[in-house]
Protein backbone atom coordinates (compact mmCIF):
# COMPACT_ATOMS: atom_id res chain seq x y z
CA MET A 1 79.43 48.75 3.14
CA LEU A 2 78.43 52.32 2.20
CA ALA A 3 80.05 51.98 -1.22
CA VAL A 4 78.28 48.69 -1.92
CA GLU A 5 74.96 50.16 -0.73
CA MET A 6 75.40 53.10 -3.10
CA TYR A 7 75.99 50.76 -6.04
CA GLY A 8 72.96 48.83 -4.83
CA GLY A 9 70.89 51.99 -5.06
CA ILE A 10 71.99 52.46 -8.66
CA ALA A 11 70.96 48.85 -9.40
CA LEU A 12 67.42 49.69 -8.27
CA SER A 13 67.06 52.67 -10.62
CA SER A 14 65.35 50.90 -13.51
CA GLU A 15 62.40 53.34 -13.56
CA MET A 16 64.53 56.41 -14.29
CA SER A 17 64.46 58.10 -17.68
CA GLN A 18 66.86 56.43 -20.13
CA PRO A 19 67.48 53.40 -17.86
CA GLU A 20 69.98 51.97 -20.37
CA ARG A 21 72.50 54.41 -18.83
CA ILE A 22 72.65 52.21 -15.72
CA PRO A 23 74.07 49.08 -17.45
CA GLN A 24 76.45 51.33 -19.38
CA PHE A 25 77.70 52.72 -16.08
CA LEU A 26 77.72 49.52 -14.01
CA SER A 27 79.10 46.97 -16.49
CA PRO A 28 82.74 48.09 -16.25
CA TYR A 29 82.59 47.89 -12.44
CA LEU A 30 80.96 44.47 -12.07
CA SER A 31 84.26 42.59 -12.09
CA ASP A 32 85.71 44.86 -9.39
CA LEU A 33 82.53 44.54 -7.31
CA SER A 34 82.60 40.74 -7.48
CA GLY A 35 86.29 40.90 -6.57
CA LEU A 36 85.36 42.50 -3.25
CA MET A 37 83.98 39.11 -2.20
CA ALA A 38 87.52 37.76 -1.94
CA TYR A 39 88.40 40.45 0.59
CA TYR A 40 85.16 40.63 2.57
CA ALA A 41 83.72 37.09 2.33
CA ASP A 42 84.30 36.58 6.05
CA ASP A 43 82.08 39.59 6.79
CA LEU A 44 78.63 38.13 6.22
CA SER A 45 76.95 41.55 6.13
CA ILE A 46 79.08 42.77 3.19
CA CYS A 47 78.93 39.32 1.58
CA GLU A 48 75.13 39.43 1.63
CA ARG A 49 74.96 43.00 0.32
CA LEU A 50 77.17 42.07 -2.65
CA LEU A 51 74.84 39.19 -3.48
CA VAL A 52 71.80 41.47 -3.10
CA LEU A 53 73.44 44.02 -5.40
CA PHE A 54 73.96 41.46 -8.18
CA CYS A 55 70.53 39.94 -7.60
CA ASP A 56 68.77 43.32 -7.82
CA TYR A 57 70.76 44.36 -10.88
CA ALA A 58 69.91 41.12 -12.70
CA GLU A 59 66.24 41.39 -11.76
CA GLN A 60 65.88 45.03 -12.79
CA PHE A 61 68.01 45.14 -15.95
CA ILE A 62 68.37 41.64 -17.44
CA VAL A 63 65.59 42.45 -19.92
CA MET A 64 67.51 45.35 -21.48
CA LEU A 65 71.12 44.09 -21.38
CA ASN A 66 72.90 43.66 -24.69
CA HIS A 67 75.29 40.81 -25.46
CA ASP A 68 78.44 42.39 -24.01
CA GLN A 69 76.66 43.61 -20.88
CA CYS A 70 75.21 40.13 -20.31
CA VAL A 71 78.59 38.49 -20.73
CA ALA A 72 80.05 40.92 -18.20
CA LEU A 73 77.27 40.14 -15.72
CA PHE A 74 77.62 36.38 -16.21
CA ALA A 75 81.39 36.45 -15.75
CA ALA A 76 81.22 38.65 -12.65
CA SER A 77 78.40 36.54 -11.17
CA ALA A 78 80.39 33.35 -11.73
CA ASP A 79 83.41 34.83 -9.94
CA LEU A 80 81.20 36.12 -7.14
CA LEU A 81 79.55 32.74 -6.52
CA LYS A 82 82.83 30.83 -6.79
CA VAL A 83 84.51 32.91 -4.09
CA TYR A 84 81.35 32.91 -2.00
CA SER A 85 81.19 29.13 -2.18
CA ALA A 86 84.84 28.70 -1.27
CA HIS A 87 84.42 30.78 1.88
CA HIS A 88 80.95 29.67 3.02
CA CYS A 89 79.63 26.46 1.52
CA ALA A 90 82.39 24.19 2.80
CA SER A 91 82.50 25.60 6.32
CA ARG A 92 78.92 26.71 7.04
CA GLN A 93 77.49 24.68 9.87
CA ILE A 94 73.76 24.00 10.03
CA GLN A 95 72.63 24.55 13.59
CA ARG A 96 69.77 22.71 15.26
CA ARG A 97 66.64 24.83 15.01
CA SER A 98 65.82 26.59 18.21
CA GLU A 99 62.48 26.09 19.91
CA SER A 100 62.26 29.85 20.38
CA THR A 101 60.31 31.54 17.58
CA GLU A 102 62.47 34.67 17.79
CA ALA A 103 65.73 32.72 17.78
CA SER A 104 64.48 30.57 14.91
CA PHE A 105 63.63 33.70 12.89
CA GLU A 106 67.10 35.16 13.51
CA GLU A 107 68.70 31.90 12.41
CA GLU A 108 66.68 31.87 9.22
CA GLN A 109 67.67 35.47 8.50
CA SER A 110 71.33 34.40 8.63
CA TYR A 111 70.74 32.38 5.43
CA ASN A 112 69.51 35.32 3.39
CA ASP A 113 72.82 35.24 1.52
CA VAL A 114 72.05 31.73 0.27
CA VAL A 115 68.57 32.84 -0.82
CA CYS A 116 70.12 35.76 -2.73
CA ALA A 117 72.58 33.43 -4.48
CA ILE A 118 69.74 31.17 -5.62
CA GLN A 119 67.58 34.12 -6.68
CA LEU A 120 70.48 35.55 -8.70
CA LEU A 121 70.67 32.31 -10.69
CA ILE A 122 66.91 32.36 -11.27
CA HIS A 123 67.09 35.92 -12.65
CA LEU A 124 70.04 35.07 -14.90
CA GLY A 125 68.14 32.07 -16.23
CA THR A 126 65.30 34.24 -17.51
CA LYS A 127 67.57 35.86 -20.12
CA ASP A 128 67.21 32.90 -22.48
CA PHE A 129 63.42 33.30 -22.63
CA ILE A 130 63.59 37.10 -22.81
CA ASP A 131 65.77 36.83 -25.91
CA VAL A 132 63.45 34.27 -27.52
CA CYS A 133 60.45 36.54 -26.96
CA ALA A 134 62.35 39.55 -28.31
CA GLU A 135 63.31 37.62 -31.46
CA ASN A 136 59.66 36.69 -32.04
CA VAL A 137 58.56 40.32 -31.73
CA ASN A 138 61.46 42.04 -33.45
CA ALA A 139 63.65 40.29 -35.99
CA SER A 140 66.75 42.21 -34.95
CA SER A 141 70.21 41.26 -36.15
CA ALA A 142 71.77 42.35 -32.84
CA PRO A 143 73.86 39.56 -31.27
CA ARG A 144 72.03 37.56 -28.62
CA VAL A 145 73.50 35.68 -25.72
CA ASP A 146 73.95 32.05 -26.68
CA SER A 147 71.68 29.67 -24.76
CA SER A 148 74.66 27.51 -23.84
CA GLN A 149 76.31 30.48 -22.12
CA ILE A 150 73.21 30.98 -20.00
CA THR A 151 72.81 27.33 -19.01
CA ASP A 152 76.54 27.06 -18.31
CA ILE A 153 76.45 29.91 -15.80
CA ILE A 154 73.31 28.55 -14.12
CA PHE A 155 74.80 25.09 -13.67
CA PHE A 156 78.13 26.54 -12.61
CA GLY A 157 76.34 28.54 -9.94
CA LEU A 158 74.30 25.50 -8.95
CA GLN A 159 77.52 23.56 -8.42
CA GLN A 160 78.73 26.29 -6.07
CA ILE A 161 75.71 26.10 -3.76
CA LEU A 162 75.03 22.34 -3.93
CA PRO A 163 77.52 21.44 -1.18
CA LEU A 164 75.49 23.56 1.24
CA MET A 165 72.12 21.99 0.47
CA THR A 166 71.68 19.69 3.44
CA GLN A 167 68.31 18.61 4.78
CA GLY A 168 68.88 20.95 7.71
CA LEU A 169 69.16 23.99 5.47
CA LEU A 170 66.21 22.89 3.35
CA GLN A 171 63.94 23.12 6.40
CA TYR A 172 63.70 26.88 5.81
CA PRO A 173 60.53 27.46 3.74
CA VAL A 174 61.60 30.45 1.62
CA LEU A 175 65.00 29.02 0.78
CA CYS A 176 63.54 25.57 0.14
CA SER A 177 60.92 26.93 -2.25
CA LYS A 178 63.41 29.02 -4.26
CA TYR A 179 66.01 26.25 -4.41
CA PHE A 180 63.60 23.64 -5.73
CA SER A 181 62.04 26.15 -8.12
CA LEU A 182 65.50 26.56 -9.68
CA VAL A 183 66.41 22.86 -9.55
CA GLY A 184 63.09 21.60 -10.89
CA PHE A 185 63.16 24.03 -13.79
CA MET A 186 66.78 23.31 -14.76
CA MET A 187 66.42 19.52 -14.44
CA ASP A 188 63.21 19.51 -16.47
CA THR A 189 64.47 21.94 -19.13
CA TYR A 190 68.18 21.10 -19.39
CA PRO A 191 68.53 17.52 -18.03
CA GLU A 192 71.53 16.77 -20.26
CA LYS A 193 73.51 19.47 -18.45
CA ALA A 194 72.53 18.05 -15.06
CA CYS A 195 73.70 14.58 -16.10
CA SER A 196 77.16 15.97 -16.90
CA LEU A 197 77.73 17.19 -13.33
CA PRO A 198 80.50 15.48 -11.32
CA ASN A 199 79.15 12.33 -9.68
CA ASP A 200 79.38 13.58 -6.10
CA LEU A 201 77.49 16.78 -6.94
CA PHE A 202 74.94 14.86 -9.01
CA GLN A 203 74.32 12.52 -6.08
CA THR A 204 73.89 15.53 -3.78
CA LEU A 205 71.37 16.95 -6.24
CA ILE A 206 69.46 13.65 -6.37
CA ASP A 207 69.45 13.39 -2.57
CA SER A 208 67.99 16.87 -2.23
CA MET A 209 65.31 16.06 -4.80
CA LEU A 210 64.43 12.83 -2.99
CA PHE A 211 63.95 14.94 0.12
CA GLY A 212 61.89 17.51 -1.79
CA MET A 213 59.51 15.17 -3.61
CA CYS A 214 57.90 14.05 -0.34
CA HIS A 215 57.87 17.57 1.10
CA SER A 216 54.62 18.79 2.65
CA ASP A 217 54.56 21.72 0.20
CA PRO A 218 53.13 20.41 -3.10
CA PHE A 219 54.95 23.17 -5.02
CA VAL A 220 58.31 21.84 -3.82
CA SER A 221 57.28 18.25 -4.49
CA LYS A 222 56.03 18.90 -8.02
CA ASN A 223 59.26 20.69 -8.93
CA CYS A 224 61.27 17.67 -7.82
CA LEU A 225 58.99 15.17 -9.54
CA ASN A 226 59.18 17.20 -12.77
CA GLY A 227 62.95 17.12 -12.41
CA PHE A 228 62.98 13.33 -12.12
CA LYS A 229 60.67 13.13 -15.15
CA GLY A 230 63.11 15.26 -17.15
CA LEU A 231 66.10 13.16 -16.11
CA ALA A 232 64.47 9.83 -16.91
CA THR A 233 63.13 11.07 -20.25
CA GLU A 234 66.55 12.40 -21.25
CA HIS A 235 68.16 9.09 -20.27
CA LEU A 236 65.65 7.24 -22.48
CA ASN A 237 66.40 9.51 -25.43
CA SER A 238 70.18 9.81 -25.17
CA ASN A 239 71.41 7.46 -22.43
CA ALA A 240 72.50 10.64 -20.63
CA MET A 241 72.84 9.08 -17.16
CA SER A 242 75.10 6.22 -18.25
CA ALA A 243 78.21 7.75 -16.68
CA GLN A 244 76.37 8.45 -13.41
CA LEU A 245 74.84 4.95 -13.32
CA ALA A 246 78.24 3.38 -14.00
CA GLN A 247 79.39 4.80 -10.66
CA GLN A 248 76.03 4.44 -8.87
CA PRO A 249 74.26 1.42 -10.47
CA GLN A 250 71.43 1.51 -7.92
CA MET A 251 70.58 5.19 -8.41
CA MET A 252 67.52 4.68 -10.61
CA ASP A 253 66.28 1.89 -8.33
CA GLN A 254 66.69 4.23 -5.37
CA ILE A 255 64.66 6.94 -7.10
CA ALA A 256 61.89 4.53 -8.10
CA SER A 257 61.77 2.93 -4.65
CA ARG A 258 61.56 6.26 -2.83
CA LEU A 259 58.97 7.58 -5.30
CA LEU A 260 56.74 4.60 -4.58
CA SER A 261 57.27 4.28 -0.83
CA ASP A 262 57.46 7.98 0.11
CA VAL A 263 54.95 9.47 -2.34
CA VAL A 264 52.72 7.00 -4.20
CA PHE A 265 52.00 4.79 -1.19
CA GLN A 266 51.39 7.79 1.09
CA SER A 267 48.24 9.84 1.62
CA LEU A 268 50.04 13.01 0.49
CA VAL A 269 50.11 11.74 -3.11
CA TRP A 270 46.73 13.26 -3.95
CA ASP A 271 47.94 16.87 -4.20
CA ARG A 272 50.79 15.79 -6.54
CA LEU A 273 49.17 12.85 -8.29
CA GLU A 274 49.75 13.90 -11.90
CA ALA A 275 53.38 14.92 -11.29
CA ALA A 276 54.07 11.59 -9.55
CA GLY A 277 52.54 9.60 -12.40
CA MET A 278 54.40 11.55 -15.10
CA ALA A 279 57.68 10.97 -13.23
CA LEU A 280 57.01 7.25 -12.74
CA LEU A 281 56.20 6.56 -16.41
CA PRO A 282 59.68 7.29 -17.90
CA ILE A 283 61.38 5.78 -14.83
CA ILE A 284 59.58 2.47 -15.51
CA ALA A 285 60.46 2.70 -19.21
CA THR A 286 64.19 3.11 -18.56
CA ASP A 287 64.42 -0.53 -17.44
CA VAL A 288 61.19 -2.50 -17.09
CA ASN A 289 62.89 -5.65 -15.80
CA ARG A 290 64.64 -3.81 -12.99
CA PHE A 291 61.39 -2.10 -12.07
CA VAL A 292 59.57 -5.45 -11.91
CA ALA A 293 62.33 -6.79 -9.66
CA LEU A 294 61.94 -3.74 -7.43
CA VAL A 295 58.17 -4.30 -7.20
CA ASN A 296 58.74 -7.96 -6.29
CA SER A 297 61.13 -6.90 -3.54
CA MET A 298 58.61 -4.40 -2.15
CA ALA A 299 55.79 -6.94 -2.31
CA GLN A 300 57.79 -9.44 -0.25
CA LYS A 301 57.88 -6.95 2.61
CA LEU A 302 54.09 -6.85 2.93
CA ARG A 303 52.55 -8.72 5.83
CA THR A 304 50.11 -11.06 4.08
CA ALA A 305 50.06 -13.11 0.90
CA GLU A 306 46.79 -11.41 -0.07
CA GLN A 307 48.43 -7.95 0.04
CA GLN A 308 51.36 -9.24 -2.00
CA GLN A 309 49.04 -10.67 -4.64
CA ARG A 310 46.96 -7.49 -4.82
CA LEU A 311 50.07 -5.35 -5.23
CA HIS A 312 51.35 -7.57 -8.06
CA SER A 313 47.94 -7.44 -9.72
CA ALA A 314 47.74 -3.64 -9.45
CA PHE A 315 51.21 -3.20 -10.97
CA ALA A 316 50.41 -5.66 -13.76
CA LYS A 317 47.48 -3.46 -14.80
CA LEU A 318 49.54 -0.28 -14.52
CA VAL A 319 52.59 -1.41 -16.50
CA ASN A 320 50.87 -1.68 -19.87
CA PRO A 321 53.45 -3.02 -22.37
CA ASP A 322 52.04 -0.97 -25.24
CA LEU A 323 52.25 2.29 -23.27
CA ILE A 324 55.77 1.54 -22.04
CA LYS A 325 56.90 0.63 -25.56
CA GLY A 326 55.50 3.92 -26.84
CA VAL A 327 57.53 5.86 -24.27
CA GLN A 328 60.67 3.87 -25.08
CA ASN A 329 60.21 4.59 -28.79
CA GLY A 330 60.12 8.33 -28.10
CA LEU A 331 56.65 9.11 -29.41
CA LYS A 332 56.00 12.78 -30.14
CA GLY A 333 53.01 15.05 -30.52
CA PHE A 334 49.50 13.65 -30.40
CA GLU A 335 50.60 10.02 -29.96
CA ALA A 336 52.76 10.93 -26.96
CA ARG A 337 49.88 12.87 -25.44
CA LYS A 338 47.57 9.85 -25.84
CA VAL A 339 50.10 7.69 -23.97
CA ARG A 340 50.39 10.22 -21.14
CA MET A 341 46.62 10.60 -20.81
CA GLN A 342 46.10 6.84 -20.70
CA PHE A 343 48.82 6.35 -18.10
CA LYS A 344 47.44 9.23 -16.05
CA HIS A 345 44.05 7.50 -15.99
CA ASP A 346 45.58 4.10 -15.16
CA PHE A 347 47.79 5.63 -12.48
CA ARG A 348 44.83 7.17 -10.64
CA ILE A 349 43.09 3.78 -10.59
CA PHE A 350 46.32 2.14 -9.42
CA VAL A 351 46.76 4.58 -6.52
CA LYS A 352 43.17 4.07 -5.37
CA GLU A 353 43.63 0.31 -5.51
CA VAL A 354 46.90 0.10 -3.55
CA HIS A 355 45.73 2.64 -0.98
CA SER A 356 42.70 0.48 -0.28
CA PHE A 357 44.86 -2.22 1.30
CA LEU A 358 48.11 -0.41 2.16
CA ILE A 359 46.75 2.72 3.88
CA MET A 360 43.00 2.65 4.46
CA LYS A 361 42.84 0.18 7.34
């Protein structure tokens, strides 16, 4: 523990003179440090300190790492998370939250290692944008880290922690916020990578996002809704989810149904209205006929014929064929913005209409 803490102190020394000496010193030892996880993974205190060490080092020095130093950090981080996952994610049990405030706080503290693992991935993910900014400011010929290397390590790390992401664990506010910040960003920015995950992990990811989109925290919800928007848009452009849908044909229907029933038809929609509308638009466009069938099924569950008719009428106004066709054709630039603005306006009217007979009784 003392040795790891001393390395941790070095990782926090970014404000020293000539801070580039720290990566030069630490890079050769990163592999050995990550290897300690295999020996001490059962000791949660050392396990957490190793994750904190890597997290702090990435946060403090990622901006100044060269290509070789980045590759060393990525490789060591991948090994660290893989061993961590093997020892903790499969066996960690989520306990029922205690009614005692003190006991509940102690329980939440025991998941600091998971928070550190997520935060490490977030810090590593910033390298792509740091390099882009550096290239814009200084046209240097120095080798940069390839974007694919960065996204690969982020999604590899995400695969390691996904098995742990149950609804019980996601009840913890700090962990929940960081997890969905990472997931929403990666799904919105690199949806093609998400679609290539193994089916069981992809379904776990979708389940966690379904939980998050109706979360009381609008930040969490908007991240999830942006993620669904990214997935549906990518599927429209490249049929990226075809392999996932071949194994789970009802997946898109499930997403659309939960988006409508748990968000759009609920009073909480108003603090995430735009995100919900922008997620719904490409989901409708992926298969209009299936969406219409889903709406018909939902309408049949309403109590009165009048409600059913009003719901059908509201959806008929919302699903404008010209707007949907524009999304399906992959409009870009100003034309795409016009479509989004029109749908945003129509969606607000739609929500007010359906709430008038579904909620405001």
